[in-house]
Every structure is written in C-alpha cells, then in structure tokens.
Amino acid sequence: MKFFQSLLGIGMFTLFTMGVAHAQEEAVSVSDSVNSSASEQNPVLSPDGQVLYFTRQHHPDNAGGKKDGGDIWYSTLQSDNTWSAAKNMGRPLNNAQVNSIIGFADNGQTLLLQGHYLSGGKQPNTQGISITKKTAQGWSDPQPLQIPYYYNKSDHNSGTLHTGGNIMIVALQSYDSRGAEDLYVLFRQADGSWTSPKNLGKDINTEYQEMTPFLAPDGKTLFFASNGYEGFGSRDIFMSVRLDDSWKRWSNPKNLGASVNTAGTELYYFLPEEGDFAYLTSTQNSDGLGDIKRVRIRPETLQVREATDSLPVAPVLVTEEIPEETAVPEVKKMRIQGVVRNKETQQPVPSRIAYQVLQDDGLSTREEIQTDREGNFSLLLEPGNNYELSVRADGFISQKDRVLLSEDSLNQAVPRDFLLTPIEVGATVNLQDVLFDRGTAEMLPGSTENLDEVVTFLKENASVYIEVKGHTDNQGRADLNMALSKERAKVVKDYLVSQGIETERISDKGYGGTQPIASNAIEEERKKNRRVEFTIVKK
C-alpha cells in the first residue's frame, strides 16, 4: 500500500485553524508504564475508565515475538491515578497476527476485534472482524462476524464501535474508495447481523488517507485521522458532525489544532465516556514509533459524550437537511461498580450479575453481565430507578440486593460489593428479608421472595441438607422467646416444603436469645439478633 503525504502551508493553515480547538493543553505522554521503546497504538478505555487497552507493535513479549505486528496489552488505573505496568492480554485475543480492539459493547461484556482468528494461531485467509464474550475464565475464543462485502486491500485496519453497540465505522481501501483508505459505516440489524460497509462519502473521504475513526457517544460527532486536508504534519486528527441520517452529509472537517496535532503523526483519537482527558497516539517527541498521549478536553466539547439510544440501526435516507444545531436526546447514565469476593477467604470470585428494574407491575427484562477474573464489575444504568441485582457463581450461594439510583448523585460511581457464601457444611446464611409481625410467627408481606431464592438454591443443589434456625433477642421471658423462635423456624420450613423441597432435607430449631450476633444493649443492635437463618448440614 502506498502512503500518501499532503503538503501544507503553515501560514495559511494557522489562519484556517484559528478558533478551532477542542483541547486546551498540549498532549503529554500517558505514562512510562504504558509507553515503551516499541510502538503503542490504538488506545481504548474500558467502559468504566479503569483499564487502558492498546496495541503494542514488534515487542519481544508479543505472541509472535519482535516480528509480531501487534498484540493487545493493557494497563490498570491505580488508586493514586497512575497507570500500572502494562501486561500482554495473552491468548485467545493475541496470536502471531496483528491484534487490536475496535470497541466494547454490552456493558463491557463483549469485544469486537480486528481480523479473523484460526485455531493454533494459523494465518486466516479471510478478512473481517471478530467478536468475543467475557466469561468466568476470561475472554472466549474470538468468532468471525459475518459481514457481506467486507474487503480491504490496505494493510491498515482500524475502526470504532459506537457506545450503543449498533454502529461501527471502519477504515477500508475497498471497492468504491476514493483513493487510499476511506471511512465506512456498518449497522447492526435487529437479528444481530451487520450490513455491508457503506462509504461515508466525499464530505469526509478524500483521495488520500482517512483512518482511525472514533464516533462519539452523541452518534453525530466523528473524529478521524487524515492527510487529505491541510494539517501540521503527516496525519492530523479532524472532527466532523453528521448532518442527517444518510451518513453521507457531514460538516466541513475541522483540525483539532496545535494542542493535539504536531509535525509528527497523530492517530486514534479516543474520547472516553467519563473523565477530563482524550487519548491518542502521536510520534512527536516519543521514545519509539508511537506513544499514547492524553490531552485535556475543553468543557464545550463534553456535550458530544451524551449518549443516545435513538440512533438508527440501519441507514435511513432523508431528503431534507436536518439542522446541525438539532439537539440529541439526552440519556443520562450512572455507574454501579464493585467486586465480588468469597465471604470466608476474601478472595475474588468470578460471577454472573443479573440486573432488573423494579416496576409497579413486577420486574423489567433481565439483563446479565460477567465479572472479570478478579470479580470486578461495572454497570451503566439509568438513574431514577430501583434496581434488583442478583449475583451467582458456581459453588456459592447466590445473593440479591436492591439499589435506588437517585439523580442527585449523577456524577458519582455507586459502590456495591458482594460477599458470597461458599456451599460448604457449616456455612450459614442470614435471611434478612424474612420478617415477622412483632411477637408472632406471621410472616410479613414480601418475606417469601427471599425464601423463593432458598427454594431455587435447594433445587439446584439437590444433595444439600439444611437446618432452619430461629433467633430472638434477650428481651422478655426466655421460655417464650425459645417457643417463638421455634415457631418461626417451623413456618419457614413449612413454606420451603410447600414449594417442592423434600421435608427430610430440612430440619428446624429455635434458639431463642442464646446465640446473639450483636449486643442487646440498644434497640438497633437487638434488631440484628431477631433473625431467621439456615445452615448447611450436609452436601
């Protein structure tokens, strides 16, 4: 492939770019722990902003050694806001071919990757894009997406996946390219398949190179690198705004200015969903062929990070121009993040986390994500709703929790950690939501929801036997407390048996106030002692 260079006149270009700046400080290197003497390209942040992924080229630790054109590496944001030493992601995402990330979908549970993968690291004889899913063991083996008429005669591959997961823009030198690489859009259809690539047209593409696109969450603002427009150096970063749903009418591309672009080569502009900095790759003042740098974003640019769920999933031709200033419907999101650990050992537990909106008429559609291998998870959810979270892992008792996302804390991440109890003899679970009228064995409304979880657990673990235990505080007569605790334990057992659990698998016993878990000195502590729980006695 021939690389084209554009000529520039510095004097004319200075006039052209006056007032066009979307970053106010000069780009600086992210970190020596990320950049190396090799070339770092294609920075992509995880949806929660905690992990920086990138492609490192011709490094001795790549899957194919120094001859390897690129492996995916990653660095984690630490508590002091520095980046950890970069690590190679290993297999199955890396092999002896060039490996790079296009983007995340499904709250970070899905990755789209450049290229096709074959077992044994063999060289594929087809072009395209692959998909991988997060599992408890790590990322699944990448599988090819079926994309009609996907063809690229360039050895350059780059692309972006929109936040909603339904729009992809890629750089291809294909059937109808105007010159070298052009930018094309693809749409995910209702059945999950993707349309063939559609050229973005002459408003964006020139007879030279347009590459490394990034589509902002607003679905309209496109950042890309080009040497087909007047610029500072080899290739610069430009910005253009989509004017209608034909995806062929765009505003005049604007250079991002001297705080981003240099006499070197700038590629892969990436605007995270959160944070104060954009990321890009630059060869200016780098130790190697390319370094990952960051640049502070101007406040007026932040509006392009407002995501919308109203974007079309297939191109719709329109005949009337949509005014550029038309507002994009705003869909605010809040982040819930945390970690799942073993209650006994405090070690991380890879888990499945389902979430649903609690509605007046029941629960919304159930969605599920997978934590990473360290038990970490992150969810982007709409505020103003009450959500139910359910955490499940093999070998552990599942756990549910509810969280209300108030719009008062829009700019804050909501922490939510879970401690799962392993399925072992002696393990005890406090049925906190099984409540009784004071002084009686009459369960309050809503108590059976918690017991239904116990029913599910016992049906999924048919060899497990349990003892249901009733407890009270130490107030009043001890004999009456003992009798009351026995009655409550019996009520719980009877409900479990009524739901199909064999009676011989459940024993019940009352302990009165003899086994407190908190002080009985004040009412707030006494409440903790008034409880029903179950203990695994056989598995």
Protein backbone atom coordinates (compact mmCIF):
# COMPACT_ATOMS: atom_id res chain seq x y z
CA MET A 1 0.00 0.00 0.00
CA LYS A 2 1.25 3.42 -0.91
CA PHE A 3 1.14 6.03 1.84
CA PHE A 4 0.22 9.48 0.59
CA GLN A 5 1.54 12.68 2.11
CA SER A 6 -0.27 16.01 1.97
CA LEU A 7 1.53 19.33 1.50
CA LEU A 8 0.76 22.16 3.88
CA GLY A 9 1.30 25.84 4.07
CA ILE A 10 1.89 26.80 7.68
CA GLY A 11 0.83 30.40 7.23
CA MET A 12 -2.47 29.58 5.54
CA PHE A 13 -3.09 26.72 7.95
CA THR A 14 -2.66 28.95 11.00
CA LEU A 15 -5.46 31.18 9.72
CA PHE A 16 -7.59 28.14 8.89
CA THR A 17 -7.40 26.70 12.38
CA MET A 18 -7.88 29.88 14.41
CA GLY A 19 -10.73 29.32 16.85
CA VAL A 20 -10.89 25.59 16.10
CA ALA A 21 -9.62 23.80 19.20
CA HIS A 22 -11.21 21.06 21.24
CA ALA A 23 -8.38 20.65 23.71
CA GLN A 24 -6.69 23.41 25.63
CA GLU A 25 -3.39 21.90 26.67
CA GLU A 26 -0.62 20.21 24.72
CA ALA A 27 -0.85 16.43 24.60
CA VAL A 28 1.51 14.70 27.02
CA SER A 29 2.63 11.08 27.39
CA VAL A 30 0.24 8.96 29.46
CA SER A 31 2.90 7.09 31.43
CA ASP A 32 6.26 5.37 31.13
CA SER A 33 4.48 2.26 32.43
CA VAL A 34 2.35 2.30 29.27
CA ASN A 35 4.73 3.61 26.61
CA SER A 36 7.90 1.76 25.68
CA SER A 37 10.64 1.76 23.08
CA ALA A 38 8.22 -0.20 20.88
CA SER A 39 5.26 1.47 19.15
CA GLU A 40 1.98 1.84 21.09
CA GLN A 41 -1.19 2.39 19.05
CA ASN A 42 -5.00 2.34 19.30
CA PRO A 43 -5.79 3.36 22.91
CA VAL A 44 -9.22 2.12 24.03
CA LEU A 45 -10.55 2.61 27.56
CA SER A 46 -12.87 0.11 29.20
CA PRO A 47 -16.41 1.45 29.72
CA ASP A 48 -15.67 2.16 33.40
CA GLY A 49 -12.45 4.01 32.54
CA GLN A 50 -10.36 1.76 34.77
CA VAL A 51 -8.41 -0.19 32.13
CA LEU A 52 -6.46 1.20 29.17
CA TYR A 53 -6.10 -1.25 26.28
CA PHE A 54 -3.75 -0.66 23.36
CA THR A 55 -1.79 -2.45 20.64
CA ARG A 56 1.97 -2.75 21.10
CA GLN A 57 3.89 -3.47 17.91
CA HIS A 58 7.05 -5.56 17.40
CA HIS A 59 7.72 -6.21 21.06
CA PRO A 60 9.73 -9.28 22.14
CA ASP A 61 6.93 -10.30 24.55
CA ASN A 62 4.30 -10.39 21.81
CA ALA A 63 2.83 -13.76 20.87
CA GLY A 64 4.92 -13.80 17.70
CA GLY A 65 7.99 -12.10 19.20
CA LYS A 66 9.53 -8.96 17.68
CA LYS A 67 8.23 -9.92 14.24
CA ASP A 68 4.67 -9.73 15.58
CA GLY A 69 2.93 -6.67 14.13
CA GLY A 70 0.84 -6.08 17.24
CA ASP A 71 -0.55 -7.66 20.43
CA ILE A 72 -3.23 -6.24 22.71
CA TRP A 73 -1.80 -5.03 26.02
CA TYR A 74 -3.48 -3.38 29.00
CA SER A 75 -2.76 -1.16 32.00
CA THR A 76 -4.98 -0.62 35.06
CA LEU A 77 -5.71 2.73 36.72
CA GLN A 78 -4.45 2.57 40.30
CA SER A 79 -5.76 4.29 43.44
CA ASP A 80 -3.22 7.13 43.06
CA ASN A 81 -4.46 7.77 39.47
CA THR A 82 -1.31 6.34 37.89
CA TRP A 83 -1.28 3.52 35.37
CA SER A 84 0.11 0.12 36.31
CA ALA A 85 2.86 -1.61 34.35
CA ALA A 86 1.41 -2.82 31.07
CA LYS A 87 0.67 -6.53 30.60
CA ASN A 88 0.09 -8.61 27.50
CA MET A 89 -3.50 -9.93 27.34
CA GLY A 90 -2.29 -13.30 26.08
CA ARG A 91 -4.43 -15.87 24.34
CA PRO A 92 -7.02 -16.18 22.96
CA LEU A 93 -7.05 -12.47 21.97
CA ASN A 94 -3.40 -12.42 20.86
CA ASN A 95 -1.67 -14.55 18.28
CA ALA A 96 1.12 -14.09 15.75
CA GLN A 97 -1.11 -11.82 13.61
CA VAL A 98 -1.84 -8.13 14.25
CA ASN A 99 -4.37 -7.88 17.09
CA SER A 100 -6.33 -4.79 18.07
CA ILE A 101 -9.61 -3.76 19.71
CA ILE A 102 -12.43 -1.98 17.90
CA GLY A 103 -14.64 -1.41 20.92
CA PHE A 104 -16.77 -2.69 23.81
CA ALA A 105 -20.49 -3.47 23.94
CA ASP A 106 -22.97 -4.85 26.48
CA ASN A 107 -21.53 -3.02 29.49
CA GLY A 108 -18.05 -4.31 28.71
CA GLN A 109 -19.15 -7.94 28.26
CA THR A 110 -18.47 -8.03 24.51
CA LEU A 111 -15.41 -7.06 22.50
CA LEU A 112 -15.11 -6.51 18.75
CA LEU A 113 -11.64 -7.19 17.36
CA GLN A 114 -9.88 -6.55 14.08
CA GLY A 115 -9.31 -9.60 11.92
CA HIS A 116 -10.30 -13.24 11.95
CA TYR A 117 -8.82 -15.91 14.22
CA LEU A 118 -7.93 -19.53 13.50
CA SER A 119 -7.02 -22.23 15.99
CA GLY A 120 -3.32 -22.78 16.51
CA GLY A 121 -2.52 -19.20 15.53
CA LYS A 122 -2.73 -20.01 11.84
CA GLN A 123 -2.89 -17.22 9.29
CA PRO A 124 -6.55 -16.67 8.29
CA ASN A 125 -7.37 -16.45 4.61
CA THR A 126 -10.43 -14.23 5.17
CA GLN A 127 -10.76 -10.59 6.20
CA GLY A 128 -13.13 -9.08 8.67
CA ILE A 129 -13.99 -8.54 12.30
CA SER A 130 -14.32 -10.96 15.22
CA ILE A 131 -16.37 -10.99 18.41
CA THR A 132 -15.51 -12.33 21.87
CA LYS A 133 -17.53 -12.57 25.09
CA LYS A 134 -16.40 -12.25 28.71
CA THR A 135 -16.67 -15.49 30.71
CA ALA A 136 -15.68 -16.58 34.20
CA GLN A 137 -12.45 -17.98 32.74
CA GLY A 138 -11.62 -14.87 30.69
CA TRP A 139 -12.45 -13.95 27.10
CA SER A 140 -13.95 -16.59 24.82
CA ASP A 141 -12.29 -17.68 21.59
CA PRO A 142 -12.97 -14.91 19.03
CA GLN A 143 -15.54 -15.83 16.38
CA PRO A 144 -15.89 -14.13 12.99
CA LEU A 145 -18.75 -11.71 12.33
CA GLN A 146 -20.50 -12.39 9.05
CA ILE A 147 -20.25 -9.08 7.16
CA PRO A 148 -21.17 -9.08 3.46
CA TYR A 149 -18.79 -7.39 1.01
CA TYR A 150 -16.14 -6.69 3.64
CA TYR A 151 -12.95 -6.15 1.65
CA ASN A 152 -9.75 -4.25 2.40
CA LYS A 153 -6.77 -4.12 0.06
CA SER A 154 -4.83 -1.96 2.54
CA ASP A 155 -2.66 -3.47 5.26
CA HIS A 156 -4.07 -0.87 7.68
CA ASN A 157 -7.05 -1.83 9.86
CA SER A 158 -8.84 0.49 12.28
CA GLY A 159 -12.37 1.08 13.46
CA THR A 160 -14.71 2.23 16.20
CA LEU A 161 -17.81 0.72 17.82
CA HIS A 162 -20.40 3.22 18.99
CA THR A 163 -21.40 3.15 22.67
CA GLY A 164 -24.78 1.61 21.85
CA GLY A 165 -23.15 -1.33 20.05
CA ASN A 166 -25.23 -0.91 16.86
CA ILE A 167 -22.95 1.29 14.72
CA MET A 168 -19.42 0.61 13.56
CA ILE A 169 -17.16 2.83 11.45
CA VAL A 170 -14.08 1.30 9.86
CA ALA A 171 -11.23 2.37 7.59
CA LEU A 172 -11.02 0.35 4.37
CA GLN A 173 -9.44 0.61 0.95
CA SER A 174 -12.33 -1.16 -0.70
CA TYR A 175 -14.45 -1.44 -3.85
CA ASP A 176 -15.63 2.19 -4.02
CA SER A 177 -12.85 4.01 -2.13
CA ARG A 178 -11.99 7.45 -3.46
CA GLY A 179 -8.25 6.83 -3.15
CA ALA A 180 -6.41 5.17 -0.30
CA GLU A 181 -8.28 4.31 2.92
CA ASP A 182 -11.83 5.67 3.25
CA LEU A 183 -14.21 5.58 6.20
CA TYR A 184 -17.24 3.29 6.02
CA VAL A 185 -20.25 2.77 8.32
CA LEU A 186 -21.90 -0.55 9.20
CA PHE A 187 -25.14 -1.09 11.11
CA ARG A 188 -26.15 -3.93 13.40
CA GLN A 189 -29.59 -5.15 12.37
CA ALA A 190 -32.44 -6.43 14.53
CA ASP A 191 -31.40 -10.07 14.02
CA GLY A 192 -27.84 -9.33 15.18
CA SER A 193 -26.26 -9.40 11.72
CA TRP A 194 -24.32 -6.48 10.24
CA THR A 195 -24.92 -4.61 6.99
CA SER A 196 -22.24 -4.33 4.33
CA PRO A 197 -19.85 -1.34 4.67
CA LYS A 198 -21.25 1.95 3.32
CA ASN A 199 -18.86 4.72 2.23
CA LEU A 200 -19.30 7.95 4.23
CA GLY A 201 -18.95 9.99 1.06
CA LYS A 202 -16.96 12.93 -0.25
CA ASP A 203 -17.67 15.24 2.70
CA ILE A 204 -15.32 13.03 4.77
CA ASN A 205 -13.25 10.94 2.39
CA THR A 206 -10.53 12.32 0.10
CA GLU A 207 -8.20 10.71 -2.44
CA TYR A 208 -5.69 10.35 0.38
CA GLN A 209 -5.96 8.53 3.74
CA GLU A 210 -8.84 8.71 6.22
CA MET A 211 -8.35 6.27 9.09
CA THR A 212 -8.60 5.55 12.84
CA PRO A 213 -12.21 6.80 13.26
CA PHE A 214 -13.92 7.43 16.58
CA LEU A 215 -17.68 8.03 16.78
CA ALA A 216 -18.60 9.99 19.90
CA PRO A 217 -21.49 8.82 22.11
CA ASP A 218 -23.79 11.50 20.63
CA GLY A 219 -23.75 9.46 17.42
CA LYS A 220 -23.07 12.54 15.32
CA THR A 221 -19.54 13.70 16.05
CA LEU A 222 -16.78 11.86 14.21
CA PHE A 223 -13.07 12.17 14.97
CA PHE A 224 -10.60 10.71 12.46
CA ALA A 225 -7.04 10.98 11.17
CA SER A 226 -6.31 12.20 7.64
CA ASN A 227 -3.57 13.51 5.38
CA GLY A 228 -6.10 14.69 2.81
CA TYR A 229 -6.73 18.06 4.49
CA GLU A 230 -4.39 20.87 5.45
CA GLY A 231 -2.57 19.92 8.62
CA PHE A 232 0.52 20.27 10.77
CA GLY A 233 2.26 17.06 9.81
CA SER A 234 1.97 13.62 8.29
CA ARG A 235 -1.55 12.85 9.54
CA ASP A 236 -3.68 15.01 11.84
CA ILE A 237 -6.86 14.49 13.86
CA PHE A 238 -10.00 16.14 12.45
CA MET A 239 -13.60 16.43 13.61
CA SER A 240 -16.83 16.48 11.61
CA VAL A 241 -20.53 16.43 12.54
CA ARG A 242 -23.11 14.27 10.79
CA LEU A 243 -25.91 16.42 9.28
CA ASP A 244 -28.56 13.78 8.53
CA ASP A 245 -29.36 10.08 8.61
CA SER A 246 -27.98 9.36 5.16
CA TRP A 247 -24.50 9.18 6.75
CA LYS A 248 -23.14 10.90 3.64
CA ARG A 249 -23.66 14.54 4.60
CA TRP A 250 -21.13 15.93 7.08
CA SER A 251 -19.91 19.31 8.23
CA ASN A 252 -16.57 20.59 6.89
CA PRO A 253 -13.85 18.63 8.78
CA LYS A 254 -12.07 20.80 11.35
CA ASN A 255 -8.49 20.30 12.51
CA LEU A 256 -8.27 19.88 16.30
CA GLY A 257 -5.41 22.36 16.41
CA ALA A 258 -1.89 22.62 17.74
CA SER A 259 -2.68 21.25 21.20
CA VAL A 260 -3.45 17.88 19.57
CA ASN A 261 -1.67 17.82 16.21
CA THR A 262 2.07 18.19 15.60
CA ALA A 263 4.64 17.87 12.84
CA GLY A 264 4.59 14.13 13.54
CA THR A 265 1.75 11.65 13.02
CA GLU A 266 -1.39 11.70 15.17
CA LEU A 267 -3.80 8.75 15.08
CA TYR A 268 -6.51 7.01 17.12
CA TYR A 269 -8.24 9.89 18.92
CA PHE A 270 -10.37 8.34 21.70
CA LEU A 271 -12.87 10.27 23.84
CA PRO A 272 -13.86 8.28 26.98
CA GLU A 273 -17.39 8.30 28.32
CA GLU A 274 -16.09 9.92 31.53
CA GLY A 275 -13.04 11.87 32.65
CA ASP A 276 -11.22 15.04 31.68
CA PHE A 277 -8.85 13.69 29.03
CA ALA A 278 -8.95 12.38 25.48
CA TYR A 279 -6.34 9.86 24.35
CA LEU A 280 -4.46 9.50 21.08
CA THR A 281 -1.27 8.15 19.53
CA SER A 282 1.50 10.50 18.42
CA THR A 283 5.03 10.09 17.08
CA GLN A 284 6.04 13.59 18.23
CA ASN A 285 8.81 13.50 20.89
CA SER A 286 8.23 9.80 21.51
CA ASP A 287 10.81 7.22 22.51
CA GLY A 288 9.70 4.90 19.76
CA LEU A 289 7.48 4.87 16.70
CA GLY A 290 4.37 5.92 18.59
CA ASP A 291 3.39 6.83 22.14
CA ILE A 292 -0.04 7.06 23.75
CA LYS A 293 -0.72 10.60 24.93
CA ARG A 294 -3.56 12.36 26.61
CA VAL A 295 -4.92 15.89 26.25
CA ARG A 296 -7.38 17.80 28.41
CA ILE A 297 -10.82 18.32 26.88
CA ARG A 298 -12.47 21.72 26.69
CA PRO A 299 -15.80 21.90 28.59
CA GLU A 300 -17.71 22.85 25.43
CA THR A 301 -16.64 19.57 23.84
CA LEU A 302 -18.18 17.42 26.57
CA GLN A 303 -21.66 17.57 25.01
CA VAL A 304 -20.59 15.02 22.38
CA ARG A 305 -20.31 12.46 25.20
CA GLU A 306 -24.06 12.47 25.81
CA ALA A 307 -25.16 9.06 24.53
CA THR A 308 -28.46 8.48 22.77
CA ASP A 309 -30.38 5.26 22.29
CA SER A 310 -32.41 6.72 19.38
CA LEU A 311 -29.79 6.15 16.68
CA PRO A 312 -30.96 4.11 13.69
CA VAL A 313 -29.81 0.50 13.46
CA ALA A 314 -29.95 0.70 9.66
CA PRO A 315 -29.36 3.67 7.32
CA VAL A 316 -32.41 5.80 6.56
CA LEU A 317 -32.21 8.13 3.59
CA VAL A 318 -33.69 11.59 4.09
CA THR A 319 -34.25 14.33 1.57
CA GLU A 320 -34.44 17.32 3.90
CA GLU A 321 -31.45 18.65 5.76
CA ILE A 322 -31.54 18.27 9.50
CA PRO A 323 -30.17 21.48 11.03
CA GLU A 324 -26.77 20.98 12.59
CA GLU A 325 -27.89 22.54 15.85
CA THR A 326 -30.69 19.98 16.34
CA ALA A 327 -30.33 18.65 19.87
CA VAL A 328 -29.66 14.96 20.50
CA PRO A 329 -31.98 13.43 23.11
CA GLU A 330 -30.03 13.06 26.32
CA VAL A 331 -29.91 9.72 28.09
CA LYS A 332 -28.10 10.07 31.39
CA LYS A 333 -26.35 7.07 32.87
CA MET A 334 -24.95 6.24 36.28
CA ARG A 335 -22.30 3.71 37.11
CA ILE A 336 -22.53 0.91 39.67
CA GLN A 337 -19.21 -0.77 40.28
CA GLY A 338 -17.77 -3.16 42.78
CA VAL A 339 -16.17 -6.53 43.36
CA VAL A 340 -17.46 -9.99 44.31
CA ARG A 341 -15.46 -11.89 46.94
CA ASN A 342 -15.58 -15.13 48.89
CA LYS A 343 -17.09 -14.33 52.30
CA GLU A 344 -14.74 -16.74 54.06
CA THR A 345 -11.43 -16.10 52.31
CA GLN A 346 -11.99 -12.60 50.83
CA GLN A 347 -10.62 -13.91 47.54
CA PRO A 348 -12.20 -12.63 44.29
CA VAL A 349 -14.97 -14.72 42.75
CA PRO A 350 -15.72 -14.54 39.01
CA SER A 351 -19.50 -14.24 38.94
CA ARG A 352 -22.60 -13.56 36.86
CA ILE A 353 -24.55 -10.45 37.79
CA ALA A 354 -28.14 -10.03 36.60
CA TYR A 355 -30.00 -6.74 36.93
CA GLN A 356 -33.64 -5.73 36.54
CA VAL A 357 -35.69 -2.60 37.15
CA LEU A 358 -38.24 -2.96 39.95
CA GLN A 359 -41.52 -1.77 38.47
CA ASP A 360 -45.01 -1.40 39.90
CA ASP A 361 -46.17 -4.41 37.89
CA GLY A 362 -43.11 -6.55 38.54
CA LEU A 363 -39.59 -6.70 37.11
CA SER A 364 -38.24 -5.49 33.79
CA THR A 365 -36.41 -7.71 31.30
CA ARG A 366 -33.48 -9.48 32.96
CA GLU A 367 -30.02 -8.50 31.71
CA GLU A 368 -26.82 -10.25 32.76
CA ILE A 369 -23.11 -9.47 32.71
CA GLN A 370 -19.99 -11.41 33.69
CA THR A 371 -17.38 -10.05 36.09
CA ASP A 372 -13.72 -10.27 35.17
CA ARG A 373 -11.43 -12.90 36.69
CA GLU A 374 -10.81 -10.63 39.69
CA GLY A 375 -14.52 -10.36 40.46
CA ASN A 376 -14.74 -6.73 39.31
CA PHE A 377 -17.85 -5.45 37.57
CA SER A 378 -19.19 -2.16 36.27
CA LEU A 379 -22.71 -1.30 35.10
CA LEU A 380 -24.06 1.81 33.36
CA LEU A 381 -27.73 2.21 34.32
CA GLU A 382 -30.36 4.93 34.04
CA PRO A 383 -30.94 6.91 37.28
CA GLY A 384 -34.32 7.32 38.90
CA ASN A 385 -34.99 3.57 39.00
CA ASN A 386 -34.90 0.96 41.73
CA TYR A 387 -32.78 -1.98 40.55
CA GLU A 388 -32.51 -5.54 41.76
CA LEU A 389 -29.07 -7.13 41.42
CA SER A 390 -28.59 -10.87 41.59
CA VAL A 391 -25.11 -12.38 41.95
CA ARG A 392 -24.44 -16.03 41.11
CA ALA A 393 -21.27 -18.14 40.96
CA ASP A 394 -20.67 -21.86 40.78
CA GLY A 395 -20.05 -23.32 44.22
CA PHE A 396 -21.56 -20.33 46.05
CA ILE A 397 -24.96 -19.39 47.43
CA SER A 398 -26.48 -16.69 45.23
CA GLN A 399 -27.19 -13.26 46.65
CA LYS A 400 -29.61 -10.45 45.80
CA ASP A 401 -29.55 -6.78 46.60
CA ARG A 402 -31.54 -3.70 45.69
CA VAL A 403 -30.22 -0.27 44.88
CA LEU A 404 -32.00 3.01 44.17
CA LEU A 405 -30.18 5.21 41.67
CA SER A 406 -31.02 8.78 42.51
CA GLU A 407 -30.27 11.56 40.03
CA ASP A 408 -28.76 13.51 42.95
CA SER A 409 -25.51 11.57 42.53
CA LEU A 410 -25.21 11.58 38.72
CA ASN A 411 -21.50 12.32 38.73
CA GLN A 412 -20.56 9.66 41.26
CA ALA A 413 -19.94 5.96 40.88
CA VAL A 414 -22.17 3.93 43.22
CA PRO A 415 -20.09 1.29 45.05
CA ARG A 416 -21.69 -2.12 45.56
CA ASP A 417 -19.53 -5.04 46.73
CA PHE A 418 -20.76 -8.58 47.37
CA LEU A 419 -19.58 -11.34 49.70
CA LEU A 420 -20.73 -14.77 48.54
CA THR A 421 -21.02 -17.70 50.93
CA PRO A 422 -19.40 -20.90 49.65
CA ILE A 423 -21.56 -24.06 49.59
CA GLU A 424 -19.85 -25.88 52.47
CA VAL A 425 -21.01 -27.74 55.54
CA GLY A 426 -21.35 -25.19 58.34
CA ALA A 427 -21.96 -22.22 56.05
CA THR A 428 -24.75 -20.03 57.41
CA VAL A 429 -26.96 -17.56 55.52
CA ASN A 430 -28.97 -14.85 57.27
CA LEU A 431 -32.40 -14.48 55.68
CA GLN A 432 -32.53 -10.75 56.36
CA ASP A 433 -35.70 -10.08 54.35
CA VAL A 434 -37.76 -12.80 56.06
CA LEU A 435 -39.64 -10.70 58.62
CA PHE A 436 -42.43 -11.40 61.13
CA ASP A 437 -45.06 -9.39 62.96
CA ARG A 438 -43.71 -8.48 66.38
CA GLY A 439 -44.24 -11.29 68.89
CA THR A 440 -45.82 -13.63 66.30
CA ALA A 441 -44.86 -16.26 63.74
CA GLU A 442 -46.81 -14.48 60.97
CA MET A 443 -44.51 -13.59 58.08
CA LEU A 444 -44.78 -10.04 56.73
CA PRO A 445 -45.60 -9.45 53.04
CA GLY A 446 -42.53 -9.78 50.82
CA SER A 447 -40.81 -12.36 53.00
CA THR A 448 -41.48 -15.21 50.60
CA GLU A 449 -39.36 -13.55 47.88
CA ASN A 450 -36.26 -14.26 49.98
CA LEU A 451 -37.46 -17.80 50.67
CA ASP A 452 -38.04 -18.39 46.96
CA GLU A 453 -34.31 -17.84 46.50
CA VAL A 454 -33.67 -20.57 49.07
CA VAL A 455 -36.06 -22.84 47.15
CA THR A 456 -34.11 -22.22 43.94
CA PHE A 457 -30.83 -22.89 45.72
CA LEU A 458 -32.04 -26.20 47.15
CA LYS A 459 -33.45 -27.34 43.81
CA GLU A 460 -30.16 -26.52 42.06
CA ASN A 461 -28.19 -28.34 44.79
CA ALA A 462 -30.21 -31.50 45.37
CA SER A 463 -27.63 -33.08 47.71
CA VAL A 464 -27.68 -30.17 50.19
CA TYR A 465 -29.47 -30.52 53.54
CA ILE A 466 -30.09 -27.51 55.78
CA GLU A 467 -31.19 -26.57 59.28
CA VAL A 468 -33.52 -23.56 59.59
CA LYS A 469 -32.74 -21.63 62.76
CA GLY A 470 -34.94 -19.13 64.57
CA HIS A 471 -33.44 -16.50 66.89
CA THR A 472 -34.72 -13.68 69.11
CA ASP A 473 -33.15 -11.00 71.25
CA ASN A 474 -32.90 -11.44 75.05
CA GLN A 475 -35.81 -9.21 75.98
CA GLY A 476 -38.70 -10.80 77.90
CA ARG A 477 -39.07 -14.33 79.17
CA ALA A 478 -36.51 -16.79 77.83
CA ASP A 479 -39.02 -19.65 77.54
CA LEU A 480 -41.40 -17.55 75.46
CA ASN A 481 -38.53 -16.42 73.23
CA MET A 482 -37.49 -20.02 72.73
CA ALA A 483 -41.02 -21.06 71.76
CA LEU A 484 -41.40 -18.10 69.38
CA SER A 485 -38.10 -18.84 67.65
CA LYS A 486 -39.16 -22.48 67.16
CA GLU A 487 -42.48 -21.43 65.66
CA ARG A 488 -40.80 -19.07 63.19
CA ALA A 489 -38.28 -21.71 62.11
CA LYS A 490 -41.16 -24.17 61.59
CA VAL A 491 -43.08 -21.62 59.47
CA VAL A 492 -40.06 -21.15 57.21
CA LYS A 493 -39.56 -24.92 56.84
CA ASP A 494 -43.24 -25.41 56.00
CA TYR A 495 -43.04 -22.82 53.24
CA LEU A 496 -39.97 -24.43 51.69
CA VAL A 497 -41.66 -27.84 51.75
CA SER A 498 -44.81 -26.34 50.18
CA GLN A 499 -42.65 -25.23 47.25
CA GLY A 500 -41.47 -28.75 46.48
CA ILE A 501 -38.45 -29.30 48.74
CA GLU A 502 -38.32 -32.74 50.38
CA THR A 503 -39.14 -32.45 54.08
CA GLU A 504 -36.28 -34.74 55.11
CA ARG A 505 -33.77 -32.25 53.68
CA ILE A 506 -34.85 -29.55 56.14
CA SER A 507 -34.69 -29.58 59.92
CA ASP A 508 -35.84 -26.66 62.08
CA LYS A 509 -34.83 -25.50 65.51
CA GLY A 510 -35.37 -22.49 67.76
CA TYR A 511 -32.52 -20.94 69.72
CA GLY A 512 -34.33 -18.08 71.43
CA GLY A 513 -31.82 -15.46 72.54
CA THR A 514 -28.95 -17.87 73.20
CA GLN A 515 -26.92 -17.11 70.04
CA PRO A 516 -26.74 -13.30 69.65
CA ILE A 517 -24.66 -11.82 66.81
CA ALA A 518 -24.79 -8.28 68.26
CA SER A 519 -25.20 -6.50 71.57
CA ASN A 520 -28.64 -6.49 73.21
CA ALA A 521 -27.94 -3.16 74.90
CA ILE A 522 -29.78 -0.94 72.39
CA GLU A 523 -32.68 -1.49 70.00
CA GLU A 524 -30.66 -1.02 66.82
CA GLU A 525 -28.37 -3.88 67.85
CA ARG A 526 -31.20 -6.08 69.16
CA LYS A 527 -32.79 -5.99 65.69
CA LYS A 528 -29.82 -7.92 64.34
CA ASN A 529 -30.40 -10.71 66.85
CA ARG A 530 -34.04 -11.19 65.80
CA ARG A 531 -33.43 -13.26 62.71
CA VAL A 532 -34.02 -16.47 60.78
CA GLU A 533 -31.11 -18.18 59.06
CA PHE A 534 -30.19 -21.51 57.60
CA THR A 535 -27.02 -23.58 57.95
CA ILE A 536 -25.80 -26.25 55.55
CA VAL A 537 -25.55 -29.54 57.47
CA LYS A 538 -24.87 -31.89 54.54
CA LYS A 539 -23.82 -31.51 50.92
